[in-house]
Amino acid sequence: MLHGRGALINGMMAGILLFCTLNEAGAGTRVPSVCERRTNRAAMLAMATDPLQRMSFENDGGIAGGGVCWWHSRFQRAVWSLAEFRPNLPKPSRGEAVRIIRALAWLRDVQVIPGYSDFLEFSADFQGEIQRELNAWQLRDGLVGQSWLRAIWGTSDLSRRPKRMERIMNRLYRYSQRGEKENFFPWIMLQIQGFIGAHAALVTSMKPTRDGYELTVVDSNYPDETARWTYHYGDGRLGNSRYETVPYRGLHRDVTRMKRVLDARCSGRAAPTLNDDAFSDEDLFEEDGDGF
């Protein structure tokens, strides 16, 4: 779980300025409700590509300072799906903010964030509280779900097995297509050469090219950026990704939970009871099975 480098705030401000010059709607636009985002792919994609709806800080903290990239990305995805913003209401106290942050991490229900119109400002004001929750989430998954076993699974280079890499990318593309239909963004684990453990990112789109695929990615090491990674048939790794890596899709359990929460909320039912189960079969990082 590597750390980003550079002046994050300067880069973020530049991204915001660029966004404002290209988008007439700007920062004052009402954020679509969770129910609108649930059924409208354009609204969900606009949320994910808006610099104002990103984490204000990069992957950090974690066990022995190794980062919390898996949980940073999962929390970001939860915000895009489950957060409502009410800038006309008073801002939350620290205790209220902690409750909101914890509920988002546990994917318990839709969460109203009062006093804010975007996640960038909220996450800047409560960076410490969010970081502590991500650290705790990592510990829960490590002790209960034994996520560290999955972090050392897989390989970072398939140059000697390009057909296997092609199968992985074709299946990731099919999963991305499923995400477009069901309105979620794939979470991917990235095995990195020379690194014990694994990184993670979110795929906001994946398009076929003449000789492979292009992925649009939000990387927790560079949350203010929207990266474009490439794959060409015959390659054994992703290109243009800052890493020498092979991607493995996973953690679909979160998508299932959020779908159940949104189905209940948008139909007027009470939030479902969600067990804090460990990793399930939906979460297997399977590169050779039928998968999705």
C-alpha atoms as a PDB file:
ATOM      1  CA  MET A   1       0.000   0.000   0.000  1.00  0.00           C
ATOM      2  CA  LEU A   2       2.196   2.724  -1.346  1.00  0.00           C
ATOM      3  CA  HIS A   3       2.078   6.407  -0.572  1.00  0.00           C
ATOM      4  CA  GLY A   4       1.570   9.169  -3.131  1.00  0.00           C
ATOM      5  CA  ARG A   5       4.095  11.930  -3.562  1.00  0.00           C
ATOM      6  CA  GLY A   6       3.915  15.602  -4.462  1.00  0.00           C
ATOM      7  CA  ALA A   7       1.892  18.566  -3.380  1.00  0.00           C
ATOM      8  CA  LEU A   8      -1.565  17.057  -3.017  1.00  0.00           C
ATOM      9  CA  ILE A   9      -3.370  20.262  -2.145  1.00  0.00           C
ATOM     10  CA  ASN A  10      -1.818  22.232  -5.026  1.00  0.00           C
ATOM     11  CA  GLY A  11      -2.700  19.492  -7.448  1.00  0.00           C
ATOM     12  CA  MET A  12      -6.198  19.242  -6.052  1.00  0.00           C
ATOM     13  CA  MET A  13      -6.782  22.982  -6.391  1.00  0.00           C
ATOM     14  CA  ALA A  14      -5.535  22.887  -9.964  1.00  0.00           C
ATOM     15  CA  GLY A  15      -7.919  20.017 -10.686  1.00  0.00           C
ATOM     16  CA  ILE A  16     -10.809  21.942  -9.164  1.00  0.00           C
ATOM     17  CA  LEU A  17     -10.002  25.046 -11.217  1.00  0.00           C
ATOM     18  CA  LEU A  18      -9.774  22.986 -14.393  1.00  0.00           C
ATOM     19  CA  PHE A  19     -13.063  21.294 -13.597  1.00  0.00           C
ATOM     20  CA  CYS A  20     -14.755  24.651 -13.011  1.00  0.00           C
ATOM     21  CA  THR A  21     -13.537  26.044 -16.320  1.00  0.00           C
ATOM     22  CA  LEU A  22     -14.722  23.014 -18.239  1.00  0.00           C
ATOM     23  CA  ASN A  23     -18.040  22.523 -16.481  1.00  0.00           C
ATOM     24  CA  GLU A  24     -20.517  25.362 -16.420  1.00  0.00           C
ATOM     25  CA  ALA A  25     -22.370  23.723 -13.567  1.00  0.00           C
ATOM     26  CA  GLY A  26     -19.411  24.300 -11.225  1.00  0.00           C
ATOM     27  CA  ALA A  27     -19.374  23.750  -7.502  1.00  0.00           C
ATOM     28  CA  GLY A  28     -22.802  25.180  -6.853  1.00  0.00           C
ATOM     29  CA  THR A  29     -24.660  22.409  -8.642  1.00  0.00           C
ATOM     30  CA  ARG A  30     -26.980  20.319  -6.514  1.00  0.00           C
ATOM     31  CA  VAL A  31     -25.570  16.852  -5.980  1.00  0.00           C
ATOM     32  CA  PRO A  32     -28.085  14.277  -7.279  1.00  0.00           C
ATOM     33  CA  SER A  33     -29.770  12.286  -4.535  1.00  0.00           C
ATOM     34  CA  VAL A  34     -28.690   8.729  -3.811  1.00  0.00           C
ATOM     35  CA  CYS A  35     -31.872   7.481  -5.457  1.00  0.00           C
ATOM     36  CA  GLU A  36     -31.132   9.481  -8.597  1.00  0.00           C
ATOM     37  CA  ARG A  37     -27.581   8.181  -8.636  1.00  0.00           C
ATOM     38  CA  ARG A  38     -28.815   4.630  -8.057  1.00  0.00           C
ATOM     39  CA  THR A  39     -30.722   4.568 -11.360  1.00  0.00           C
ATOM     40  CA  ASN A  40     -28.906   7.170 -13.470  1.00  0.00           C
ATOM     41  CA  ARG A  41     -25.467   6.164 -14.693  1.00  0.00           C
ATOM     42  CA  ALA A  42     -24.649   9.683 -15.870  1.00  0.00           C
ATOM     43  CA  ALA A  43     -25.395  11.074 -12.406  1.00  0.00           C
ATOM     44  CA  MET A  44     -23.263   8.432 -10.712  1.00  0.00           C
ATOM     45  CA  LEU A  45     -20.404   8.969 -13.139  1.00  0.00           C
ATOM     46  CA  ALA A  46     -20.614  12.741 -12.630  1.00  0.00           C
ATOM     47  CA  MET A  47     -20.302  12.159  -8.881  1.00  0.00           C
ATOM     48  CA  ALA A  48     -17.214   9.974  -9.324  1.00  0.00           C
ATOM     49  CA  THR A  49     -15.470  12.352 -11.735  1.00  0.00           C
ATOM     50  CA  ASP A  50     -16.187  15.525  -9.758  1.00  0.00           C
ATOM     51  CA  PRO A  51     -12.976  16.602  -7.937  1.00  0.00           C
ATOM     52  CA  LEU A  52     -15.163  18.018  -5.159  1.00  0.00           C
ATOM     53  CA  GLN A  53     -16.485  14.540  -4.347  1.00  0.00           C
ATOM     54  CA  ARG A  54     -13.064  12.972  -3.766  1.00  0.00           C
ATOM     55  CA  MET A  55     -11.101  12.329  -0.589  1.00  0.00           C
ATOM     56  CA  SER A  56      -9.067  15.397   0.379  1.00  0.00           C
ATOM     57  CA  PHE A  57      -6.126  13.264   1.510  1.00  0.00           C
ATOM     58  CA  GLU A  58      -4.183  10.375   0.051  1.00  0.00           C
ATOM     59  CA  ASN A  59      -3.670   6.840   1.294  1.00  0.00           C
ATOM     60  CA  ASP A  60      -1.833   6.960   4.632  1.00  0.00           C
ATOM     61  CA  GLY A  61      -1.700   5.425   8.119  1.00  0.00           C
ATOM     62  CA  GLY A  62      -2.428   1.744   8.586  1.00  0.00           C
ATOM     63  CA  ILE A  63      -0.463  -1.031  10.230  1.00  0.00           C
ATOM     64  CA  ALA A  64       3.204  -0.022  10.557  1.00  0.00           C
ATOM     65  CA  GLY A  65       2.485   2.993   8.359  1.00  0.00           C
ATOM     66  CA  GLY A  66       1.862   0.764   5.352  1.00  0.00           C
ATOM     67  CA  GLY A  67      -1.273   2.566   4.235  1.00  0.00           C
ATOM     68  CA  VAL A  68      -4.968   1.717   4.046  1.00  0.00           C
ATOM     69  CA  CYS A  69      -5.437   1.813   0.276  1.00  0.00           C
ATOM     70  CA  TRP A  70      -8.030  -0.983   0.211  1.00  0.00           C
ATOM     71  CA  TRP A  71     -10.220   0.799   2.731  1.00  0.00           C
ATOM     72  CA  HIS A  72      -9.578   4.301   1.396  1.00  0.00           C
ATOM     73  CA  SER A  73     -10.961   3.105  -1.956  1.00  0.00           C
ATOM     74  CA  ARG A  74     -13.885   1.264  -0.356  1.00  0.00           C
ATOM     75  CA  PHE A  75     -14.808   4.332   1.697  1.00  0.00           C
ATOM     76  CA  GLN A  76     -14.636   6.545  -1.396  1.00  0.00           C
ATOM     77  CA  ARG A  77     -16.986   4.188  -3.231  1.00  0.00           C
ATOM     78  CA  ALA A  78     -19.388   4.187  -0.279  1.00  0.00           C
ATOM     79  CA  VAL A  79     -19.519   7.995  -0.322  1.00  0.00           C
ATOM     80  CA  TRP A  80     -20.379   8.056  -4.012  1.00  0.00           C
ATOM     81  CA  SER A  81     -23.265   5.639  -3.424  1.00  0.00           C
ATOM     82  CA  LEU A  82     -24.589   6.411   0.068  1.00  0.00           C
ATOM     83  CA  ALA A  83     -23.833  10.050   0.961  1.00  0.00           C
ATOM     84  CA  GLU A  84     -26.363  12.898   0.754  1.00  0.00           C
ATOM     85  CA  PHE A  85     -25.214  16.499   1.230  1.00  0.00           C
ATOM     86  CA  ARG A  86     -27.324  19.188   2.938  1.00  0.00           C
ATOM     87  CA  PRO A  87     -25.341  22.471   2.886  1.00  0.00           C
ATOM     88  CA  ASN A  88     -28.322  24.416   4.277  1.00  0.00           C
ATOM     89  CA  LEU A  89     -28.149  22.552   7.613  1.00  0.00           C
ATOM     90  CA  PRO A  90     -25.726  23.265  10.495  1.00  0.00           C
ATOM     91  CA  LYS A  91     -22.392  21.488  10.293  1.00  0.00           C
ATOM     92  CA  PRO A  92     -22.053  18.337  12.406  1.00  0.00           C
ATOM     93  CA  SER A  93     -20.255  18.201  15.717  1.00  0.00           C
ATOM     94  CA  ARG A  94     -17.242  15.948  15.932  1.00  0.00           C
ATOM     95  CA  GLY A  95     -19.359  13.224  17.540  1.00  0.00           C
ATOM     96  CA  GLU A  96     -21.987  13.486  14.804  1.00  0.00           C
ATOM     97  CA  ALA A  97     -19.288  13.366  12.122  1.00  0.00           C
ATOM     98  CA  VAL A  98     -17.771  10.243  13.690  1.00  0.00           C
ATOM     99  CA  ARG A  99     -21.191   8.557  13.607  1.00  0.00           C
ATOM    100  CA  ILE A 100     -21.615   9.445   9.901  1.00  0.00           C
ATOM    101  CA  ILE A 101     -18.115   8.233   9.031  1.00  0.00           C
ATOM    102  CA  ARG A 102     -18.550   4.958  10.901  1.00  0.00           C
ATOM    103  CA  ALA A 103     -21.929   4.278   9.290  1.00  0.00           C
ATOM    104  CA  LEU A 104     -20.480   4.872   5.818  1.00  0.00           C
ATOM    105  CA  ALA A 105     -17.592   2.508   6.535  1.00  0.00           C
ATOM    106  CA  TRP A 106     -19.988  -0.160   7.768  1.00  0.00           C
ATOM    107  CA  LEU A 107     -22.329   0.478   4.784  1.00  0.00           C
ATOM    108  CA  ARG A 108     -25.252   0.622   7.196  1.00  0.00           C
ATOM    109  CA  ASP A 109     -27.566   3.141   5.502  1.00  0.00           C
ATOM    110  CA  VAL A 110     -27.720   6.325   3.476  1.00  0.00           C
ATOM    111  CA  GLN A 111     -25.956   9.080   5.444  1.00  0.00           C
ATOM    112  CA  VAL A 112     -26.877  12.770   5.366  1.00  0.00           C
ATOM    113  CA  ILE A 113     -23.822  15.029   5.691  1.00  0.00           C
ATOM    114  CA  PRO A 114     -25.169  18.357   6.970  1.00  0.00           C
ATOM    115  CA  GLY A 115     -23.479  21.703   6.408  1.00  0.00           C
ATOM    116  CA  TYR A 116     -21.497  20.560   3.371  1.00  0.00           C
ATOM    117  CA  SER A 117     -22.100  20.500  -0.363  1.00  0.00           C
ATOM    118  CA  ASP A 118     -19.204  18.182  -1.162  1.00  0.00           C
ATOM    119  CA  PHE A 119     -17.049  15.446   0.296  1.00  0.00           C
ATOM    120  CA  LEU A 120     -13.751  17.225  -0.336  1.00  0.00           C
ATOM    121  CA  GLU A 121     -14.427  19.830   2.351  1.00  0.00           C
ATOM    122  CA  PHE A 122     -15.991  17.359   4.791  1.00  0.00           C
ATOM    123  CA  SER A 123     -13.050  14.959   4.505  1.00  0.00           C
ATOM    124  CA  ALA A 124     -10.590  17.835   4.987  1.00  0.00           C
ATOM    125  CA  ASP A 125     -12.372  18.982   8.162  1.00  0.00           C
ATOM    126  CA  PHE A 126     -12.574  15.451   9.564  1.00  0.00           C
ATOM    127  CA  GLN A 127      -9.453  13.870   8.099  1.00  0.00           C
ATOM    128  CA  GLY A 128      -8.293  12.528  11.457  1.00  0.00           C
ATOM    129  CA  GLU A 129     -11.655  10.928  12.202  1.00  0.00           C
ATOM    130  CA  ILE A 130     -11.818   9.293   8.756  1.00  0.00           C
ATOM    131  CA  GLN A 131      -8.234   8.054   9.025  1.00  0.00           C
ATOM    132  CA  ARG A 132      -8.922   6.469  12.408  1.00  0.00           C
ATOM    133  CA  GLU A 133     -11.945   4.671  10.990  1.00  0.00           C
ATOM    134  CA  LEU A 134      -9.932   3.396   8.010  1.00  0.00           C
ATOM    135  CA  ASN A 135      -7.230   2.139  10.375  1.00  0.00           C
ATOM    136  CA  ALA A 136      -9.856   0.334  12.467  1.00  0.00           C
ATOM    137  CA  TRP A 137     -11.493  -1.110   9.338  1.00  0.00           C
ATOM    138  CA  GLN A 138      -8.148  -2.507   8.233  1.00  0.00           C
ATOM    139  CA  LEU A 139      -7.684  -4.169  11.620  1.00  0.00           C
ATOM    140  CA  ARG A 140     -11.198  -5.665  11.545  1.00  0.00           C
ATOM    141  CA  ASP A 141     -10.659  -7.158   8.108  1.00  0.00           C
ATOM    142  CA  GLY A 142      -7.166  -8.322   8.985  1.00  0.00           C
ATOM    143  CA  LEU A 143      -8.155 -10.063  12.206  1.00  0.00           C
ATOM    144  CA  VAL A 144     -11.619 -11.335  11.250  1.00  0.00           C
ATOM    145  CA  GLY A 145     -11.522 -11.562   7.459  1.00  0.00           C
ATOM    146  CA  GLN A 146      -7.791 -12.338   7.226  1.00  0.00           C
ATOM    147  CA  SER A 147      -7.490  -9.947   4.291  1.00  0.00           C
ATOM    148  CA  TRP A 148      -3.700 -10.176   4.501  1.00  0.00           C
ATOM    149  CA  LEU A 149      -3.960 -13.623   2.905  1.00  0.00           C
ATOM    150  CA  ARG A 150      -5.568 -12.062  -0.137  1.00  0.00           C
ATOM    151  CA  ALA A 151      -2.993  -9.263  -0.168  1.00  0.00           C
ATOM    152  CA  ILE A 152      -0.205 -11.762  -0.890  1.00  0.00           C
ATOM    153  CA  TRP A 153      -2.248 -13.702  -3.446  1.00  0.00           C
ATOM    154  CA  GLY A 154      -1.690 -13.396  -7.176  1.00  0.00           C
ATOM    155  CA  THR A 155       1.236 -12.208  -9.256  1.00  0.00           C
ATOM    156  CA  SER A 156       2.471  -8.810 -10.434  1.00  0.00           C
ATOM    157  CA  ASP A 157       3.835  -9.925 -13.793  1.00  0.00           C
ATOM    158  CA  LEU A 158       2.322 -12.266 -16.372  1.00  0.00           C
ATOM    159  CA  SER A 159       4.766 -11.479 -19.175  1.00  0.00           C
ATOM    160  CA  ARG A 160       5.448 -15.200 -19.550  1.00  0.00           C
ATOM    161  CA  ARG A 161       1.728 -15.970 -19.560  1.00  0.00           C
ATOM    162  CA  PRO A 162       0.157 -13.235 -21.720  1.00  0.00           C
ATOM    163  CA  LYS A 163      -2.956 -15.295 -22.450  1.00  0.00           C
ATOM    164  CA  ARG A 164      -3.660 -15.491 -18.735  1.00  0.00           C
ATOM    165  CA  MET A 165      -3.342 -11.706 -18.494  1.00  0.00           C
ATOM    166  CA  GLU A 166      -5.699 -11.388 -21.450  1.00  0.00           C
ATOM    167  CA  ARG A 167      -8.284 -13.570 -19.686  1.00  0.00           C
ATOM    168  CA  ILE A 168      -8.005 -11.404 -16.548  1.00  0.00           C
ATOM    169  CA  MET A 169      -8.531  -8.223 -18.564  1.00  0.00           C
ATOM    170  CA  ASN A 170     -11.419  -9.660 -20.565  1.00  0.00           C
ATOM    171  CA  ARG A 171     -13.167 -10.722 -17.352  1.00  0.00           C
ATOM    172  CA  LEU A 172     -12.485  -7.346 -15.754  1.00  0.00           C
ATOM    173  CA  TYR A 173     -14.052  -5.707 -18.808  1.00  0.00           C
ATOM    174  CA  ARG A 174     -17.160  -7.888 -18.508  1.00  0.00           C
ATOM    175  CA  TYR A 175     -17.348  -6.991 -14.810  1.00  0.00           C
ATOM    176  CA  SER A 176     -16.988  -3.314 -15.716  1.00  0.00           C
ATOM    177  CA  GLN A 177     -19.861  -3.698 -18.178  1.00  0.00           C
ATOM    178  CA  ARG A 178     -21.918  -5.226 -15.407  1.00  0.00           C
ATOM    179  CA  GLY A 179     -21.004  -2.205 -13.291  1.00  0.00           C
ATOM    180  CA  GLU A 180     -22.344   0.139 -15.964  1.00  0.00           C
ATOM    181  CA  LYS A 181     -25.651  -1.747 -16.060  1.00  0.00           C
ATOM    182  CA  GLU A 182     -26.006  -2.068 -12.270  1.00  0.00           C
ATOM    183  CA  ASN A 183     -24.398   1.306 -11.510  1.00  0.00           C
ATOM    184  CA  PHE A 184     -21.337   0.484  -9.441  1.00  0.00           C
ATOM    185  CA  PHE A 185     -17.597   0.952  -9.892  1.00  0.00           C
ATOM    186  CA  PRO A 186     -15.306  -2.085  -9.734  1.00  0.00           C
ATOM    187  CA  TRP A 187     -12.763  -2.243  -6.927  1.00  0.00           C
ATOM    188  CA  ILE A 188      -9.493  -3.830  -8.041  1.00  0.00           C
ATOM    189  CA  MET A 189      -6.559  -5.243  -6.104  1.00  0.00           C
ATOM    190  CA  LEU A 190      -3.195  -4.470  -7.685  1.00  0.00           C
ATOM    191  CA  GLN A 191      -0.271  -6.795  -7.145  1.00  0.00           C
ATOM    192  CA  ILE A 192       2.921  -4.727  -7.391  1.00  0.00           C
ATOM    193  CA  GLN A 193       6.360  -6.076  -8.213  1.00  0.00           C
ATOM    194  CA  GLY A 194       8.814  -5.958  -5.307  1.00  0.00           C
ATOM    195  CA  PHE A 195       6.090  -5.017  -2.822  1.00  0.00           C
ATOM    196  CA  ILE A 196       4.844  -7.291  -0.042  1.00  0.00           C
ATOM    197  CA  GLY A 197       1.106  -6.789  -0.021  1.00  0.00           C
ATOM    198  CA  ALA A 198      -1.166  -5.199  -2.592  1.00  0.00           C
ATOM    199  CA  HIS A 199      -2.527  -1.845  -3.605  1.00  0.00           C
ATOM    200  CA  ALA A 200      -6.120  -0.987  -4.638  1.00  0.00           C
ATOM    201  CA  ALA A 201      -8.024   1.402  -6.892  1.00  0.00           C
ATOM    202  CA  LEU A 202     -11.479   2.031  -8.371  1.00  0.00           C
ATOM    203  CA  VAL A 203     -12.292   1.645 -12.072  1.00  0.00           C
ATOM    204  CA  THR A 204     -14.781   4.313 -13.160  1.00  0.00           C
ATOM    205  CA  SER A 205     -14.803   3.171 -16.792  1.00  0.00           C
ATOM    206  CA  MET A 206     -13.179   0.621 -19.053  1.00  0.00           C
ATOM    207  CA  LYS A 207     -13.295   0.831 -22.835  1.00  0.00           C
ATOM    208  CA  PRO A 208     -12.019  -1.527 -25.520  1.00  0.00           C
ATOM    209  CA  THR A 209      -9.386  -0.161 -27.887  1.00  0.00           C
ATOM    210  CA  ARG A 210      -8.078  -1.448 -31.180  1.00  0.00           C
ATOM    211  CA  ASP A 211      -5.535  -3.645 -29.412  1.00  0.00           C
ATOM    212  CA  GLY A 212      -6.646  -3.891 -25.777  1.00  0.00           C
ATOM    213  CA  TYR A 213      -8.372  -1.728 -23.169  1.00  0.00           C
ATOM    214  CA  GLU A 214      -8.175   1.704 -21.573  1.00  0.00           C
ATOM    215  CA  LEU A 215      -9.159   2.019 -17.900  1.00  0.00           C
ATOM    216  CA  THR A 216     -10.169   5.233 -16.144  1.00  0.00           C
ATOM    217  CA  VAL A 217      -9.078   4.897 -12.534  1.00  0.00           C
ATOM    218  CA  VAL A 218      -9.259   6.668  -9.168  1.00  0.00           C
ATOM    219  CA  ASP A 219      -6.134   5.701  -7.222  1.00  0.00           C
ATOM    220  CA  SER A 220      -6.089   6.252  -3.442  1.00  0.00           C
ATOM    221  CA  ASN A 221      -2.445   7.334  -3.666  1.00  0.00           C
ATOM    222  CA  TYR A 222      -3.507  10.201  -5.958  1.00  0.00           C
ATOM    223  CA  PRO A 223      -7.163  10.887  -5.078  1.00  0.00           C
ATOM    224  CA  ASP A 224      -7.240  14.276  -6.805  1.00  0.00           C
ATOM    225  CA  GLU A 225      -6.385  12.723 -10.177  1.00  0.00           C
ATOM    226  CA  THR A 226      -8.323  10.689 -12.724  1.00  0.00           C
ATOM    227  CA  ALA A 227      -5.764   8.328 -14.231  1.00  0.00           C
ATOM    228  CA  ARG A 228      -5.865   6.468 -17.534  1.00  0.00           C
ATOM    229  CA  TRP A 229      -4.208   3.083 -17.587  1.00  0.00           C
ATOM    230  CA  THR A 230      -3.778   0.935 -20.667  1.00  0.00           C
ATOM    231  CA  TYR A 231      -3.531  -2.709 -21.557  1.00  0.00           C
ATOM    232  CA  HIS A 232      -2.380  -4.059 -24.928  1.00  0.00           C
ATOM    233  CA  TYR A 233      -2.921  -7.659 -25.982  1.00  0.00           C
ATOM    234  CA  GLY A 234       0.293  -9.567 -25.368  1.00  0.00           C
ATOM    235  CA  ASP A 235       1.265  -7.472 -22.347  1.00  0.00           C
ATOM    236  CA  GLY A 236       1.818  -9.128 -18.984  1.00  0.00           C
ATOM    237  CA  ARG A 237       1.075  -5.980 -16.933  1.00  0.00           C
ATOM    238  CA  LEU A 238      -0.887  -2.747 -17.038  1.00  0.00           C
ATOM    239  CA  GLY A 239       0.734   0.240 -18.685  1.00  0.00           C
ATOM    240  CA  ASN A 240       0.792   3.935 -17.706  1.00  0.00           C
ATOM    241  CA  SER A 241      -0.205   3.037 -14.156  1.00  0.00           C
ATOM    242  CA  ARG A 242       2.833   4.208 -12.123  1.00  0.00           C
ATOM    243  CA  TYR A 243       3.066   0.566 -11.006  1.00  0.00           C
ATOM    244  CA  GLU A 244       4.201  -2.702 -12.548  1.00  0.00           C
ATOM    245  CA  THR A 245       0.990  -4.509 -11.770  1.00  0.00           C
ATOM    246  CA  VAL A 246      -1.727  -7.018 -12.576  1.00  0.00           C
ATOM    247  CA  PRO A 247      -5.329  -6.127 -11.549  1.00  0.00           C
ATOM    248  CA  TYR A 248      -7.705  -8.509  -9.763  1.00  0.00           C
ATOM    249  CA  ARG A 249     -11.319  -7.572  -9.216  1.00  0.00           C
ATOM    250  CA  GLY A 250     -12.811  -8.171  -5.790  1.00  0.00           C
ATOM    251  CA  LEU A 251     -14.908  -7.061  -2.822  1.00  0.00           C
ATOM    252  CA  HIS A 252     -18.224  -7.295  -4.619  1.00  0.00           C
ATOM    253  CA  ARG A 253     -19.775  -7.872  -1.194  1.00  0.00           C
ATOM    254  CA  ASP A 254     -19.720  -4.095  -0.665  1.00  0.00           C
ATOM    255  CA  VAL A 255     -21.725  -3.593  -3.852  1.00  0.00           C
ATOM    256  CA  THR A 256     -24.312  -6.134  -2.713  1.00  0.00           C
ATOM    257  CA  ARG A 257     -24.657  -4.386   0.647  1.00  0.00           C
ATOM    258  CA  MET A 258     -25.044  -0.931  -0.888  1.00  0.00           C
ATOM    259  CA  LYS A 259     -27.608  -2.222  -3.371  1.00  0.00           C
ATOM    260  CA  ARG A 260     -29.715  -3.652  -0.537  1.00  0.00           C
ATOM    261  CA  VAL A 261     -29.477  -0.386   1.395  1.00  0.00           C
ATOM    262  CA  LEU A 262     -30.463   1.700  -1.633  1.00  0.00           C
ATOM    263  CA  ASP A 263     -33.270  -0.643  -2.687  1.00  0.00           C
ATOM    264  CA  ALA A 264     -34.785  -0.241   0.774  1.00  0.00           C
ATOM    265  CA  ARG A 265     -34.247   3.534   1.020  1.00  0.00           C
ATOM    266  CA  CYS A 266     -35.550   4.321  -2.456  1.00  0.00           C
ATOM    267  CA  SER A 267     -38.670   2.198  -1.973  1.00  0.00           C
ATOM    268  CA  GLY A 268     -39.450   3.691   1.431  1.00  0.00           C
ATOM    269  CA  ARG A 269     -38.546   0.612   3.479  1.00  0.00           C
ATOM    270  CA  ALA A 270     -36.433   0.471   6.618  1.00  0.00           C
ATOM    271  CA  ALA A 271     -32.735  -0.132   6.167  1.00  0.00           C
ATOM    272  CA  PRO A 272     -31.946  -3.860   6.045  1.00  0.00           C
ATOM    273  CA  THR A 273     -30.061  -5.623   8.799  1.00  0.00           C
ATOM    274  CA  LEU A 274     -26.588  -6.369   7.484  1.00  0.00           C
ATOM    275  CA  ASN A 275     -24.432  -8.936   9.222  1.00  0.00           C
ATOM    276  CA  ASP A 276     -20.771  -8.107   9.623  1.00  0.00           C
ATOM    277  CA  ASP A 277     -19.755 -11.282   7.869  1.00  0.00           C
ATOM    278  CA  ALA A 278     -16.178 -11.969   6.846  1.00  0.00           C
ATOM    279  CA  PHE A 279     -15.147 -12.206   3.219  1.00  0.00           C
ATOM    280  CA  SER A 280     -17.555 -14.280   1.152  1.00  0.00           C
ATOM    281  CA  ASP A 281     -17.344 -16.108  -2.158  1.00  0.00           C
ATOM    282  CA  GLU A 282     -18.284 -12.831  -3.863  1.00  0.00           C
ATOM    283  CA  ASP A 283     -14.941 -11.429  -2.760  1.00  0.00           C
ATOM    284  CA  LEU A 284     -12.617 -14.071  -4.158  1.00  0.00           C
ATOM    285  CA  PHE A 285      -9.928 -12.588  -6.353  1.00  0.00           C
ATOM    286  CA  GLU A 286     -10.299 -15.371  -8.862  1.00  0.00           C
ATOM    287  CA  GLU A 287      -8.320 -15.054 -12.066  1.00  0.00           C
ATOM    288  CA  ASP A 288      -9.076 -18.406 -13.702  1.00  0.00           C
ATOM    289  CA  GLY A 289     -12.640 -19.210 -12.638  1.00  0.00           C
ATOM    290  CA  ASP A 290     -15.745 -18.147 -14.523  1.00  0.00           C
ATOM    291  CA  GLY A 291     -16.246 -15.173 -12.193  1.00  0.00           C
ATOM    292  CA  PHE A 292     -18.400 -12.360 -13.468  1.00  0.00           C
END
